[in-house]
């Protein structure tokens, strides 16, 4: 799925981002790939990257996912940068992802 993030088709990249976010697998590998997608030239891809990070911050079905997991927290600087994205939907989802991953980062970034 990570290889699919380099596909030339926007929909393929978006589908792979969503799948990666839902699996909650190998954050040390997945989170950097999702973070890189936050700088994609297509706003849809950036939105789906934020959504995938938000999904990774949610507890899994067993309820044992720690949203503050260090592997996931490495996305915080890139999400903070996404707060100034040119697309309003990306900015909004970046706030949502930050609230899941590091709620303290939201007020510190000046978001209400």
PDB file of N, CA and C in Angstrom:
ATOM      1  N   UNK A   1       0.803  -1.185   0.000  1.00  0.00           N
ATOM      2  CA  UNK A   1       0.000   0.000   0.000  1.00  0.00           C
ATOM      3  C   UNK A   1       0.856   1.263   0.000  1.00  0.00           C
ATOM      4  N   UNK A   2       1.972   1.220   0.683  1.00  0.00           N
ATOM      5  CA  UNK A   2       2.836   2.395   0.719  1.00  0.00           C
ATOM      6  C   UNK A   2       3.349   2.712  -0.685  1.00  0.00           C
ATOM      7  N   UNK A   3       3.657   1.679  -1.467  1.00  0.00           N
ATOM      8  CA  UNK A   3       4.094   1.922  -2.845  1.00  0.00           C
ATOM      9  C   UNK A   3       3.011   2.618  -3.651  1.00  0.00           C
ATOM     10  N   UNK A   4       1.754   2.327  -3.330  1.00  0.00           N
ATOM     11  CA  UNK A   4       0.638   2.941  -4.035  1.00  0.00           C
ATOM     12  C   UNK A   4       0.524   4.437  -3.802  1.00  0.00           C
ATOM     13  N   UNK A   5       1.185   4.941  -2.768  1.00  0.00           N
ATOM     14  CA  UNK A   5       1.153   6.378  -2.494  1.00  0.00           C
ATOM     15  C   UNK A   5       1.921   7.171  -3.546  1.00  0.00           C
ATOM     16  N   UNK A   6       2.750   6.483  -4.318  1.00  0.00           N
ATOM     17  CA  UNK A   6       3.503   7.140  -5.389  1.00  0.00           C
ATOM     18  C   UNK A   6       2.841   7.009  -6.746  1.00  0.00           C
ATOM     19  N   UNK A   7       1.663   6.410  -6.794  1.00  0.00           N
ATOM     20  CA  UNK A   7       0.957   6.216  -8.056  1.00  0.00           C
ATOM     21  C   UNK A   7       0.590   7.569  -8.670  1.00  0.00           C
ATOM     22  N   UNK A   8       0.553   7.635  -9.985  1.00  0.00           N
ATOM     23  CA  UNK A   8       0.194   8.884 -10.655  1.00  0.00           C
ATOM     24  C   UNK A   8      -1.302   9.183 -10.572  1.00  0.00           C
ATOM     25  N   UNK A   9      -2.116   8.171 -10.258  1.00  0.00           N
ATOM     26  CA  UNK A   9      -3.557   8.343 -10.161  1.00  0.00           C
ATOM     27  C   UNK A   9      -3.921   8.813  -8.745  1.00  0.00           C
ATOM     28  N   UNK A  10      -4.570   9.960  -8.661  1.00  0.00           N
ATOM     29  CA  UNK A  10      -4.944  10.532  -7.368  1.00  0.00           C
ATOM     30  C   UNK A  10      -5.834   9.580  -6.579  1.00  0.00           C
ATOM     31  N   UNK A  11      -6.794   8.939  -7.237  1.00  0.00           N
ATOM     32  CA  UNK A  11      -7.713   8.042  -6.534  1.00  0.00           C
ATOM     33  C   UNK A  11      -6.992   6.834  -5.944  1.00  0.00           C
ATOM     34  N   UNK A  12      -5.980   6.333  -6.628  1.00  0.00           N
ATOM     35  CA  UNK A  12      -5.188   5.213  -6.098  1.00  0.00           C
ATOM     36  C   UNK A  12      -4.451   5.664  -4.849  1.00  0.00           C
ATOM     37  N   UNK A  13      -3.858   6.858  -4.902  1.00  0.00           N
ATOM     38  CA  UNK A  13      -3.146   7.374  -3.721  1.00  0.00           C
ATOM     39  C   UNK A  13      -4.114   7.535  -2.550  1.00  0.00           C
ATOM     40  N   UNK A  14      -5.302   8.106  -2.821  1.00  0.00           N
ATOM     41  CA  UNK A  14      -6.288   8.315  -1.757  1.00  0.00           C
ATOM     42  C   UNK A  14      -6.760   6.992  -1.155  1.00  0.00           C
ATOM     43  N   UNK A  15      -7.054   6.002  -1.989  1.00  0.00           N
ATOM     44  CA  UNK A  15      -7.488   4.695  -1.487  1.00  0.00           C
ATOM     45  C   UNK A  15      -6.430   4.056  -0.598  1.00  0.00           C
ATOM     46  N   UNK A  16      -5.181   4.157  -1.007  1.00  0.00           N
ATOM     47  CA  UNK A  16      -4.107   3.583  -0.204  1.00  0.00           C
ATOM     48  C   UNK A  16      -3.933   4.315   1.117  1.00  0.00           C
ATOM     49  N   UNK A  17      -4.115   5.626   1.105  1.00  0.00           N
ATOM     50  CA  UNK A  17      -4.022   6.384   2.352  1.00  0.00           C
ATOM     51  C   UNK A  17      -5.091   5.953   3.342  1.00  0.00           C
ATOM     52  N   UNK A  18      -6.313   5.826   2.859  1.00  0.00           N
ATOM     53  CA  UNK A  18      -7.400   5.409   3.759  1.00  0.00           C
ATOM     54  C   UNK A  18      -7.157   4.010   4.313  1.00  0.00           C
ATOM     55  N   UNK A  19      -6.721   3.113   3.454  1.00  0.00           N
ATOM     56  CA  UNK A  19      -6.457   1.744   3.914  1.00  0.00           C
ATOM     57  C   UNK A  19      -5.363   1.733   4.978  1.00  0.00           C
ATOM     58  N   UNK A  20      -4.302   2.469   4.753  1.00  0.00           N
ATOM     59  CA  UNK A  20      -3.216   2.510   5.731  1.00  0.00           C
ATOM     60  C   UNK A  20      -3.685   3.073   7.065  1.00  0.00           C
ATOM     61  N   UNK A  21      -4.543   4.064   7.034  1.00  0.00           N
ATOM     62  CA  UNK A  21      -5.058   4.645   8.268  1.00  0.00           C
ATOM     63  C   UNK A  21      -5.962   3.718   9.043  1.00  0.00           C
ATOM     64  N   UNK A  22      -6.675   2.858   8.356  1.00  0.00           N
ATOM     65  CA  UNK A  22      -7.606   1.949   9.033  1.00  0.00           C
ATOM     66  C   UNK A  22      -6.916   0.741   9.664  1.00  0.00           C
ATOM     67  N   UNK A  23      -5.775   0.338   9.134  1.00  0.00           N
ATOM     68  CA  UNK A  23      -5.138  -0.876   9.633  1.00  0.00           C
ATOM     69  C   UNK A  23      -4.412  -0.699  10.953  1.00  0.00           C
ATOM     70  N   UNK A  24      -4.018   0.526  11.302  1.00  0.00           N
ATOM     71  CA  UNK A  24      -3.288   0.767  12.556  1.00  0.00           C
ATOM     72  C   UNK A  24      -2.038  -0.110  12.641  1.00  0.00           C
ATOM     73  N   UNK A  25      -1.392  -0.336  11.515  1.00  0.00           N
ATOM     74  CA  UNK A  25      -0.249  -1.250  11.496  1.00  0.00           C
ATOM     75  C   UNK A  25       1.066  -0.490  11.330  1.00  0.00           C
ATOM     76  N   UNK A  26       2.099  -0.977  11.960  1.00  0.00           N
ATOM     77  CA  UNK A  26       3.463  -0.502  11.825  1.00  0.00           C
ATOM     78  C   UNK A  26       3.589   1.023  11.717  1.00  0.00           C
ATOM     79  N   UNK A  27       3.208   1.743  12.785  1.00  0.00           N
ATOM     80  CA  UNK A  27       3.269   3.203  12.708  1.00  0.00           C
ATOM     81  C   UNK A  27       4.658   3.746  12.379  1.00  0.00           C
ATOM     82  N   UNK A  28       5.712   3.023  12.734  1.00  0.00           N
ATOM     83  CA  UNK A  28       7.061   3.492  12.437  1.00  0.00           C
ATOM     84  C   UNK A  28       7.325   3.543  10.933  1.00  0.00           C
ATOM     85  N   UNK A  29       6.557   2.789  10.149  1.00  0.00           N
ATOM     86  CA  UNK A  29       6.686   2.784   8.691  1.00  0.00           C
ATOM     87  C   UNK A  29       5.573   3.613   8.054  1.00  0.00           C
ATOM     88  N   UNK A  30       4.365   3.451   8.558  1.00  0.00           N
ATOM     89  CA  UNK A  30       3.191   4.069   7.945  1.00  0.00           C
ATOM     90  C   UNK A  30       3.136   5.573   8.196  1.00  0.00           C
ATOM     91  N   UNK A  31       3.411   6.007   9.413  1.00  0.00           N
ATOM     92  CA  UNK A  31       3.278   7.430   9.743  1.00  0.00           C
ATOM     93  C   UNK A  31       4.182   8.310   8.877  1.00  0.00           C
ATOM     94  N   UNK A  32       5.445   7.955   8.656  1.00  0.00           N
ATOM     95  CA  UNK A  32       6.254   8.795   7.750  1.00  0.00           C
ATOM     96  C   UNK A  32       5.677   8.852   6.327  1.00  0.00           C
ATOM     97  N   UNK A  33       5.108   7.754   5.859  1.00  0.00           N
ATOM     98  CA  UNK A  33       4.499   7.754   4.523  1.00  0.00           C
ATOM     99  C   UNK A  33       3.279   8.669   4.490  1.00  0.00           C
ATOM    100  N   UNK A  34       2.463   8.614   5.538  1.00  0.00           N
ATOM    101  CA  UNK A  34       1.291   9.488   5.606  1.00  0.00           C
ATOM    102  C   UNK A  34       1.717  10.943   5.738  1.00  0.00           C
ATOM    103  N   UNK A  35       2.737  11.190   6.527  1.00  0.00           N
ATOM    104  CA  UNK A  35       3.242  12.544   6.717  1.00  0.00           C
ATOM    105  C   UNK A  35       3.768  13.113   5.399  1.00  0.00           C
ATOM    106  N   UNK A  36       4.457  12.299   4.624  1.00  0.00           N
ATOM    107  CA  UNK A  36       4.943  12.752   3.316  1.00  0.00           C
ATOM    108  C   UNK A  36       3.786  13.123   2.402  1.00  0.00           C
ATOM    109  N   UNK A  37       2.684  12.391   2.505  1.00  0.00           N
ATOM    110  CA  UNK A  37       1.519  12.661   1.659  1.00  0.00           C
ATOM    111  C   UNK A  37       0.871  13.999   1.998  1.00  0.00           C
ATOM    112  N   UNK A  38       1.154  14.542   3.173  1.00  0.00           N
ATOM    113  CA  UNK A  38       0.607  15.847   3.537  1.00  0.00           C
ATOM    114  C   UNK A  38       1.160  16.968   2.662  1.00  0.00           C
ATOM    115  N   UNK A  39       2.226  16.701   1.931  1.00  0.00           N
ATOM    116  CA  UNK A  39       2.797  17.715   1.034  1.00  0.00           C
ATOM    117  C   UNK A  39       2.540  17.392  -0.434  1.00  0.00           C
ATOM    118  N   UNK A  40       1.617  16.467  -0.704  1.00  0.00           N
ATOM    119  CA  UNK A  40       1.260  16.122  -2.081  1.00  0.00           C
ATOM    120  C   UNK A  40       0.717  17.361  -2.792  1.00  0.00           C
ATOM    121  N   UNK A  41       0.881  17.413  -4.098  1.00  0.00           N
ATOM    122  CA  UNK A  41       0.392  18.565  -4.871  1.00  0.00           C
ATOM    123  C   UNK A  41      -1.128  18.593  -4.982  1.00  0.00           C
ATOM    124  N   UNK A  42      -1.783  17.458  -4.754  1.00  0.00           N
ATOM    125  CA  UNK A  42      -3.242  17.390  -4.871  1.00  0.00           C
ATOM    126  C   UNK A  42      -3.895  17.531  -3.490  1.00  0.00           C
ATOM    127  N   UNK A  43      -4.847  18.450  -3.386  1.00  0.00           N
ATOM    128  CA  UNK A  43      -5.513  18.704  -2.107  1.00  0.00           C
ATOM    129  C   UNK A  43      -6.271  17.479  -1.606  1.00  0.00           C
ATOM    130  N   UNK A  44      -6.847  16.680  -2.511  1.00  0.00           N
ATOM    131  CA  UNK A  44      -7.569  15.469  -2.081  1.00  0.00           C
ATOM    132  C   UNK A  44      -6.622  14.514  -1.369  1.00  0.00           C
ATOM    133  N   UNK A  45      -5.437  14.366  -1.902  1.00  0.00           N
ATOM    134  CA  UNK A  45      -4.455  13.468  -1.290  1.00  0.00           C
ATOM    135  C   UNK A  45      -4.063  14.000   0.087  1.00  0.00           C
ATOM    136  N   UNK A  46      -3.850  15.288   0.201  1.00  0.00           N
ATOM    137  CA  UNK A  46      -3.504  15.873   1.507  1.00  0.00           C
ATOM    138  C   UNK A  46      -4.644  15.671   2.506  1.00  0.00           C
ATOM    139  N   UNK A  47      -5.872  15.826   2.034  1.00  0.00           N
ATOM    140  CA  UNK A  47      -7.041  15.605   2.899  1.00  0.00           C
ATOM    141  C   UNK A  47      -7.105  14.153   3.368  1.00  0.00           C
ATOM    142  N   UNK A  48      -6.898  13.232   2.444  1.00  0.00           N
ATOM    143  CA  UNK A  48      -6.949  11.811   2.802  1.00  0.00           C
ATOM    144  C   UNK A  48      -5.794  11.440   3.729  1.00  0.00           C
ATOM    145  N   UNK A  49      -4.644  12.097   3.583  1.00  0.00           N
ATOM    146  CA  UNK A  49      -3.520  11.845   4.494  1.00  0.00           C
ATOM    147  C   UNK A  49      -3.883  12.292   5.909  1.00  0.00           C
ATOM    148  N   UNK A  50      -4.509  13.458   6.024  1.00  0.00           N
ATOM    149  CA  UNK A  50      -4.965  13.923   7.346  1.00  0.00           C
ATOM    150  C   UNK A  50      -5.995  12.958   7.926  1.00  0.00           C
ATOM    151  N   UNK A  51      -6.903  12.500   7.079  1.00  0.00           N
ATOM    152  CA  UNK A  51      -7.939  11.561   7.524  1.00  0.00           C
ATOM    153  C   UNK A  51      -7.320  10.252   7.997  1.00  0.00           C
ATOM    154  N   UNK A  52      -6.324   9.776   7.264  1.00  0.00           N
ATOM    155  CA  UNK A  52      -5.654   8.534   7.655  1.00  0.00           C
ATOM    156  C   UNK A  52      -4.954   8.689   9.001  1.00  0.00           C
ATOM    157  N   UNK A  53      -4.313   9.819   9.219  1.00  0.00           N
ATOM    158  CA  UNK A  53      -3.663  10.069  10.509  1.00  0.00           C
ATOM    159  C   UNK A  53      -4.697  10.168  11.620  1.00  0.00           C
ATOM    160  N   UNK A  54      -5.818  10.810  11.331  1.00  0.00           N
ATOM    161  CA  UNK A  54      -6.916  10.873  12.308  1.00  0.00           C
ATOM    162  C   UNK A  54      -7.379   9.456  12.656  1.00  0.00           C
ATOM    163  N   UNK A  55      -7.570   8.618  11.625  1.00  0.00           N
ATOM    164  CA  UNK A  55      -7.994   7.229  11.862  1.00  0.00           C
ATOM    165  C   UNK A  55      -6.987   6.467  12.708  1.00  0.00           C
ATOM    166  N   UNK A  56      -5.718   6.696  12.470  1.00  0.00           N
ATOM    167  CA  UNK A  56      -4.697   6.000  13.256  1.00  0.00           C
ATOM    168  C   UNK A  56      -4.732   6.433  14.715  1.00  0.00           C
ATOM    169  N   UNK A  57      -5.218   7.633  14.967  1.00  0.00           N
ATOM    170  CA  UNK A  57      -5.308   8.122  16.337  1.00  0.00           C
ATOM    171  C   UNK A  57      -6.493   7.569  17.097  1.00  0.00           C
ATOM    172  N   UNK A  58      -7.433   6.959  16.390  1.00  0.00           N
ATOM    173  CA  UNK A  58      -8.599   6.367  17.044  1.00  0.00           C
ATOM    174  C   UNK A  58      -8.233   5.032  17.676  1.00  0.00           C
ATOM    175  N   UNK A  59      -8.889   4.653  18.768  1.00  0.00           N
ATOM    176  CA  UNK A  59      -8.646   3.317  19.326  1.00  0.00           C
ATOM    177  C   UNK A  59      -9.076   2.240  18.324  1.00  0.00           C
ATOM    178  N   UNK A  60      -8.363   1.128  18.325  1.00  0.00           N
ATOM    179  CA  UNK A  60      -8.754   0.033  17.429  1.00  0.00           C
ATOM    180  C   UNK A  60      -9.958  -0.695  18.015  1.00  0.00           C
ATOM    181  N   UNK A  61     -10.421  -1.725  17.336  1.00  0.00           N
ATOM    182  CA  UNK A  61     -11.629  -2.437  17.754  1.00  0.00           C
ATOM    183  C   UNK A  61     -11.518  -2.960  19.184  1.00  0.00           C
ATOM    184  N   UNK A  62     -10.323  -3.324  19.595  1.00  0.00           N
ATOM    185  CA  UNK A  62     -10.122  -3.820  20.954  1.00  0.00           C
ATOM    186  C   UNK A  62     -10.031  -2.670  21.959  1.00  0.00           C
ATOM    187  N   UNK A  63      -9.953  -1.447  21.453  1.00  0.00           N
ATOM    188  CA  UNK A  63      -9.886  -0.291  22.331  1.00  0.00           C
ATOM    189  C   UNK A  63      -8.534  -0.081  22.970  1.00  0.00           C
ATOM    190  N   UNK A  64      -7.485  -0.714  22.433  1.00  0.00           N
ATOM    191  CA  UNK A  64      -6.190  -0.637  23.103  1.00  0.00           C
ATOM    192  C   UNK A  64      -5.147   0.207  22.364  1.00  0.00           C
ATOM    193  N   UNK A  65      -5.554   1.005  21.381  1.00  0.00           N
ATOM    194  CA  UNK A  65      -4.611   1.886  20.688  1.00  0.00           C
ATOM    195  C   UNK A  65      -4.412   3.150  21.512  1.00  0.00           C
ATOM    196  N   UNK A  66      -3.170   3.488  21.795  1.00  0.00           N
ATOM    197  CA  UNK A  66      -2.863   4.716  22.520  1.00  0.00           C
ATOM    198  C   UNK A  66      -2.595   5.816  21.497  1.00  0.00           C
ATOM    199  N   UNK A  67      -3.503   6.796  21.363  1.00  0.00           N
ATOM    200  CA  UNK A  67      -3.306   7.846  20.373  1.00  0.00           C
ATOM    201  C   UNK A  67      -2.031   8.654  20.579  1.00  0.00           C
ATOM    202  N   UNK A  68      -1.490   8.635  21.767  1.00  0.00           N
ATOM    203  CA  UNK A  68      -0.260   9.383  22.031  1.00  0.00           C
ATOM    204  C   UNK A  68       0.983   8.558  21.748  1.00  0.00           C
ATOM    205  N   UNK A  69       0.819   7.412  21.119  1.00  0.00           N
ATOM    206  CA  UNK A  69       1.941   6.538  20.782  1.00  0.00           C
ATOM    207  C   UNK A  69       3.038   7.338  20.083  1.00  0.00           C
ATOM    208  N   UNK A  70       4.292   7.162  20.493  1.00  0.00           N
ATOM    209  CA  UNK A  70       5.381   7.963  19.910  1.00  0.00           C
ATOM    210  C   UNK A  70       5.461   7.874  18.386  1.00  0.00           C
ATOM    211  N   UNK A  71       5.191   6.730  17.817  1.00  0.00           N
ATOM    212  CA  UNK A  71       5.249   6.605  16.361  1.00  0.00           C
ATOM    213  C   UNK A  71       4.256   7.515  15.673  1.00  0.00           C
ATOM    214  N   UNK A  72       3.098   7.667  16.257  1.00  0.00           N
ATOM    215  CA  UNK A  72       2.059   8.508  15.682  1.00  0.00           C
ATOM    216  C   UNK A  72       2.318   9.987  15.957  1.00  0.00           C
ATOM    217  N   UNK A  73       2.898  10.265  17.080  1.00  0.00           N
ATOM    218  CA  UNK A  73       3.156  11.665  17.452  1.00  0.00           C
ATOM    219  C   UNK A  73       4.182  12.327  16.534  1.00  0.00           C
ATOM    220  N   UNK A  74       4.937  11.547  15.798  1.00  0.00           N
ATOM    221  CA  UNK A  74       5.903  12.154  14.878  1.00  0.00           C
ATOM    222  C   UNK A  74       5.215  12.900  13.737  1.00  0.00           C
ATOM    223  N   UNK A  75       3.911  12.699  13.572  1.00  0.00           N
ATOM    224  CA  UNK A  75       3.157  13.404  12.536  1.00  0.00           C
ATOM    225  C   UNK A  75       2.746  14.807  12.957  1.00  0.00           C
ATOM    226  N   UNK A  76       2.873  15.130  14.235  1.00  0.00           N
ATOM    227  CA  UNK A  76       2.380  16.414  14.757  1.00  0.00           C
ATOM    228  C   UNK A  76       2.997  17.613  14.030  1.00  0.00           C
ATOM    229  N   UNK A  77       4.314  17.701  13.833  1.00  0.00           N
ATOM    230  CA  UNK A  77       4.848  18.885  13.134  1.00  0.00           C
ATOM    231  C   UNK A  77       4.275  19.064  11.724  1.00  0.00           C
ATOM    232  N   UNK A  78       4.129  17.991  10.993  1.00  0.00           N
ATOM    233  CA  UNK A  78       3.576  18.090   9.637  1.00  0.00           C
ATOM    234  C   UNK A  78       2.102  18.483   9.675  1.00  0.00           C
ATOM    235  N   UNK A  79       1.365  17.967  10.654  1.00  0.00           N
ATOM    236  CA  UNK A  79      -0.041  18.355  10.792  1.00  0.00           C
ATOM    237  C   UNK A  79      -0.154  19.831  11.184  1.00  0.00           C
ATOM    238  N   UNK A  80       0.727  20.292  12.033  1.00  0.00           N
ATOM    239  CA  UNK A  80       0.733  21.712  12.390  1.00  0.00           C
ATOM    240  C   UNK A  80       0.980  22.567  11.142  1.00  0.00           C
ATOM    241  N   UNK A  81       1.872  22.113  10.291  1.00  0.00           N
ATOM    242  CA  UNK A  81       2.130  22.820   9.034  1.00  0.00           C
ATOM    243  C   UNK A  81       0.882  22.805   8.137  1.00  0.00           C
ATOM    244  N   UNK A  82       0.118  21.719   8.191  1.00  0.00           N
ATOM    245  CA  UNK A  82      -1.102  21.606   7.388  1.00  0.00           C
ATOM    246  C   UNK A  82      -2.188  22.572   7.828  1.00  0.00           C
ATOM    247  N   UNK A  83      -2.051  23.147   9.004  1.00  0.00           N
ATOM    248  CA  UNK A  83      -3.029  24.139   9.463  1.00  0.00           C
ATOM    249  C   UNK A  83      -3.011  25.393   8.597  1.00  0.00           C
ATOM    250  N   UNK A  84      -1.960  25.557   7.806  1.00  0.00           N
ATOM    251  CA  UNK A  84      -1.887  26.700   6.894  1.00  0.00           C
ATOM    252  C   UNK A  84      -2.031  26.260   5.435  1.00  0.00           C
ATOM    253  N   UNK A  85      -2.571  25.075   5.202  1.00  0.00           N
ATOM    254  CA  UNK A  85      -2.779  24.571   3.848  1.00  0.00           C
ATOM    255  C   UNK A  85      -3.710  25.517   3.082  1.00  0.00           C
ATOM    256  N   UNK A  86      -3.564  25.554   1.778  1.00  0.00           N
ATOM    257  CA  UNK A  86      -4.413  26.416   0.944  1.00  0.00           C
ATOM    258  C   UNK A  86      -5.849  25.917   0.866  1.00  0.00           C
ATOM    259  N   UNK A  87      -6.084  24.665   1.208  1.00  0.00           N
ATOM    260  CA  UNK A  87      -7.419  24.072   1.129  1.00  0.00           C
ATOM    261  C   UNK A  87      -8.061  24.035   2.521  1.00  0.00           C
ATOM    262  N   UNK A  88      -9.271  24.597   2.630  1.00  0.00           N
ATOM    263  CA  UNK A  88      -9.957  24.667   3.925  1.00  0.00           C
ATOM    264  C   UNK A  88     -10.270  23.289   4.497  1.00  0.00           C
ATOM    265  N   UNK A  89     -10.631  22.325   3.648  1.00  0.00           N
ATOM    266  CA  UNK A  89     -10.946  20.979   4.132  1.00  0.00           C
ATOM    267  C   UNK A  89      -9.710  20.319   4.739  1.00  0.00           C
ATOM    268  N   UNK A  90      -8.563  20.535   4.125  1.00  0.00           N
ATOM    269  CA  UNK A  90      -7.312  19.981   4.668  1.00  0.00           C
ATOM    270  C   UNK A  90      -7.026  20.614   6.023  1.00  0.00           C
ATOM    271  N   UNK A  91      -7.182  21.921   6.118  1.00  0.00           N
ATOM    272  CA  UNK A  91      -6.944  22.595   7.402  1.00  0.00           C
ATOM    273  C   UNK A  91      -7.867  22.043   8.491  1.00  0.00           C
ATOM    274  N   UNK A  92      -9.140  21.853   8.162  1.00  0.00           N
ATOM    275  CA  UNK A  92     -10.095  21.327   9.134  1.00  0.00           C
ATOM    276  C   UNK A  92      -9.765  19.917   9.577  1.00  0.00           C
ATOM    277  N   UNK A  93      -9.399  19.068   8.627  1.00  0.00           N
ATOM    278  CA  UNK A  93      -9.074  17.690   8.993  1.00  0.00           C
ATOM    279  C   UNK A  93      -7.749  17.625   9.749  1.00  0.00           C
ATOM    280  N   UNK A  94      -6.840  18.543   9.462  1.00  0.00           N
ATOM    281  CA  UNK A  94      -5.585  18.585  10.228  1.00  0.00           C
ATOM    282  C   UNK A  94      -5.879  18.883  11.691  1.00  0.00           C
ATOM    283  N   UNK A  95      -6.822  19.779  11.946  1.00  0.00           N
ATOM    284  CA  UNK A  95      -7.232  20.062  13.333  1.00  0.00           C
ATOM    285  C   UNK A  95      -7.792  18.802  13.972  1.00  0.00           C
ATOM    286  N   UNK A  96      -8.677  18.100  13.250  1.00  0.00           N
ATOM    287  CA  UNK A  96      -9.270  16.865  13.783  1.00  0.00           C
ATOM    288  C   UNK A  96      -8.194  15.825  14.105  1.00  0.00           C
ATOM    289  N   UNK A  97      -7.234  15.668  13.193  1.00  0.00           N
ATOM    290  CA  UNK A  97      -6.160  14.693  13.421  1.00  0.00           C
ATOM    291  C   UNK A  97      -5.324  15.088  14.628  1.00  0.00           C
ATOM    292  N   UNK A  98      -5.015  16.365  14.738  1.00  0.00           N
ATOM    293  CA  UNK A  98      -4.238  16.830  15.892  1.00  0.00           C
ATOM    294  C   UNK A  98      -4.991  16.594  17.195  1.00  0.00           C
ATOM    295  N   UNK A  99      -6.298  16.807  17.187  1.00  0.00           N
ATOM    296  CA  UNK A  99      -7.087  16.565  18.397  1.00  0.00           C
ATOM    297  C   UNK A  99      -7.043  15.103  18.815  1.00  0.00           C
ATOM    298  N   UNK A 100      -6.935  14.184  17.868  1.00  0.00           N
ATOM    299  CA  UNK A 100      -6.833  12.762  18.181  1.00  0.00           C
ATOM    300  C   UNK A 100      -5.440  12.388  18.681  1.00  0.00           C
ATOM    301  N   UNK A 101      -4.428  12.971  18.044  1.00  0.00           N
ATOM    302  CA  UNK A 101      -3.051  12.542  18.293  1.00  0.00           C
ATOM    303  C   UNK A 101      -2.406  13.304  19.450  1.00  0.00           C
ATOM    304  N   UNK A 102      -2.594  14.619  19.470  1.00  0.00           N
ATOM    305  CA  UNK A 102      -1.965  15.455  20.502  1.00  0.00           C
ATOM    306  C   UNK A 102      -2.866  16.657  20.790  1.00  0.00           C
ATOM    307  N   UNK A 103      -3.896  16.455  21.610  1.00  0.00           N
ATOM    308  CA  UNK A 103      -4.854  17.536  21.866  1.00  0.00           C
ATOM    309  C   UNK A 103      -4.208  18.819  22.384  1.00  0.00           C
ATOM    310  N   UNK A 104      -3.101  18.720  23.075  1.00  0.00           N
ATOM    311  CA  UNK A 104      -2.439  19.911  23.601  1.00  0.00           C
ATOM    312  C   UNK A 104      -1.842  20.769  22.494  1.00  0.00           C
ATOM    313  N   UNK A 105      -1.573  20.190  21.340  1.00  0.00           N
ATOM    314  CA  UNK A 105      -0.971  20.938  20.231  1.00  0.00           C
ATOM    315  C   UNK A 105      -1.964  21.904  19.594  1.00  0.00           C
ATOM    316  N   UNK A 106      -3.251  21.615  19.708  1.00  0.00           N
ATOM    317  CA  UNK A 106      -4.261  22.440  19.039  1.00  0.00           C
ATOM    318  C   UNK A 106      -4.321  23.846  19.617  1.00  0.00           C
ATOM    319  N   UNK A 107      -4.512  24.019  20.929  1.00  0.00           N
ATOM    320  CA  UNK A 107      -4.536  25.407  21.446  1.00  0.00           C
ATOM    321  C   UNK A 107      -3.171  26.084  21.331  1.00  0.00           C
ATOM    322  N   UNK A 108      -2.095  25.327  21.429  1.00  0.00           N
ATOM    323  CA  UNK A 108      -0.766  25.911  21.307  1.00  0.00           C
ATOM    324  C   UNK A 108      -0.551  26.467  19.905  1.00  0.00           C
ATOM    325  N   UNK A 109      -1.242  25.881  18.912  1.00  0.00           N
ATOM    326  CA  UNK A 109      -1.114  26.347  17.530  1.00  0.00           C
ATOM    327  C   UNK A 109      -2.046  27.530  17.264  1.00  0.00           C
ATOM    328  N   UNK A 110      -2.837  27.924  18.261  1.00  0.00           N
ATOM    329  CA  UNK A 110      -3.721  29.050  18.107  1.00  0.00           C
ATOM    330  C   UNK A 110      -5.064  28.697  17.510  1.00  0.00           C
ATOM    331  N   UNK A 111      -5.391  27.394  17.488  1.00  0.00           N
ATOM    332  CA  UNK A 111      -6.673  26.938  16.955  1.00  0.00           C
ATOM    333  C   UNK A 111      -7.672  26.863  18.095  1.00  0.00           C
ATOM    334  N   UNK A 112      -8.883  27.316  17.848  1.00  0.00           N
ATOM    335  CA  UNK A 112      -9.918  27.265  18.892  1.00  0.00           C
ATOM    336  C   UNK A 112     -10.887  26.161  18.623  1.00  0.00           C
TER     337      UNK A 112
END
